C-alpha atoms as a PDB file:
ATOM      1  CA  UNK A   1       2.318  -7.466 -13.199  1.00  0.00           C
ATOM      2  CA  UNK A   2      -0.212  -5.476 -11.180  1.00  0.00           C
ATOM      3  CA  UNK A   3       0.978  -1.907  -9.925  1.00  0.00           C
ATOM      4  CA  UNK A   4      -0.162  -0.756  -6.655  1.00  0.00           C
ATOM      5  CA  UNK A   5      -0.634   3.117  -6.418  1.00  0.00           C
ATOM      6  CA  UNK A   6      -1.904   5.257  -3.772  1.00  0.00           C
ATOM      7  CA  UNK A   7      -3.734   8.878  -4.228  1.00  0.00           C
ATOM      8  CA  UNK A   8      -3.623  11.522  -1.956  1.00  0.00           C
ATOM      9  CA  UNK A   9      -6.397  14.187  -2.436  1.00  0.00           C
ATOM     10  CA  UNK A  10      -7.653  16.950   0.075  1.00  0.00           C
ATOM     11  CA  UNK A  11     -11.250  18.897  -0.553  1.00  0.00           C
ATOM     12  CA  UNK A  12     -11.862  22.182   0.918  1.00  0.00           C
ATOM     13  CA  UNK A  13     -15.023  24.690   0.598  1.00  0.00           C
ATOM     14  CA  UNK A  14     -15.111  27.625  -1.814  1.00  0.00           C
ATOM     15  CA  UNK A  15     -15.831  29.533   1.348  1.00  0.00           C
ATOM     16  CA  UNK A  16     -12.446  27.784   3.032  1.00  0.00           C
ATOM     17  CA  UNK A  17     -10.192  30.829   4.968  1.00  0.00           C
ATOM     18  CA  UNK A  18      -6.812  31.203   3.778  1.00  0.00           C
ATOM     19  CA  UNK A  19      -5.761  29.557   7.104  1.00  0.00           C
ATOM     20  CA  UNK A  20      -7.970  26.521   6.350  1.00  0.00           C
ATOM     21  CA  UNK A  21      -5.949  26.446   2.619  1.00  0.00           C
ATOM     22  CA  UNK A  22      -2.838  26.688   4.315  1.00  0.00           C
ATOM     23  CA  UNK A  23      -3.836  23.912   7.133  1.00  0.00           C
ATOM     24  CA  UNK A  24      -4.547  21.580   4.226  1.00  0.00           C
ATOM     25  CA  UNK A  25      -1.867  22.143   2.055  1.00  0.00           C
ATOM     26  CA  UNK A  26       0.627  21.751   4.928  1.00  0.00           C
ATOM     27  CA  UNK A  27      -1.429  18.092   6.249  1.00  0.00           C
ATOM     28  CA  UNK A  28      -0.949  17.122   2.063  1.00  0.00           C
ATOM     29  CA  UNK A  29       2.729  17.819   2.195  1.00  0.00           C
ATOM     30  CA  UNK A  30       3.506  16.200   5.687  1.00  0.00           C
ATOM     31  CA  UNK A  31       1.283  12.886   4.604  1.00  0.00           C
ATOM     32  CA  UNK A  32       2.715  12.870   0.932  1.00  0.00           C
ATOM     33  CA  UNK A  33       6.478  13.109   2.800  1.00  0.00           C
ATOM     34  CA  UNK A  34       5.358  10.017   5.266  1.00  0.00           C
ATOM     35  CA  UNK A  35       3.883   8.104   2.225  1.00  0.00           C
ATOM     36  CA  UNK A  36       7.269   8.270   0.555  1.00  0.00           C
ATOM     37  CA  UNK A  37       8.846   7.571   3.387  1.00  0.00           C
ATOM     38  CA  UNK A  38       7.131   4.319   3.969  1.00  0.00           C
ATOM     39  CA  UNK A  39       7.076   3.392   0.333  1.00  0.00           C
ATOM     40  CA  UNK A  40      10.541   4.015  -0.085  1.00  0.00           C
ATOM     41  CA  UNK A  41      11.387   1.242   2.820  1.00  0.00           C
ATOM     42  CA  UNK A  42       9.479  -1.123   0.917  1.00  0.00           C
ATOM     43  CA  UNK A  43      10.976  -0.398  -2.410  1.00  0.00           C
ATOM     44  CA  UNK A  44      14.742  -1.374  -1.400  1.00  0.00           C
END
């Protein structure tokens, strides 16, 4: 059986401000939660 998976990542510059880093982390968390919710609907 073939498994499907998703990879979620973000990229920042070494010169990113703390504000940019926090925005990126917040976006990644929001996207990960959305993805978890969507995949849960299809796994049941």
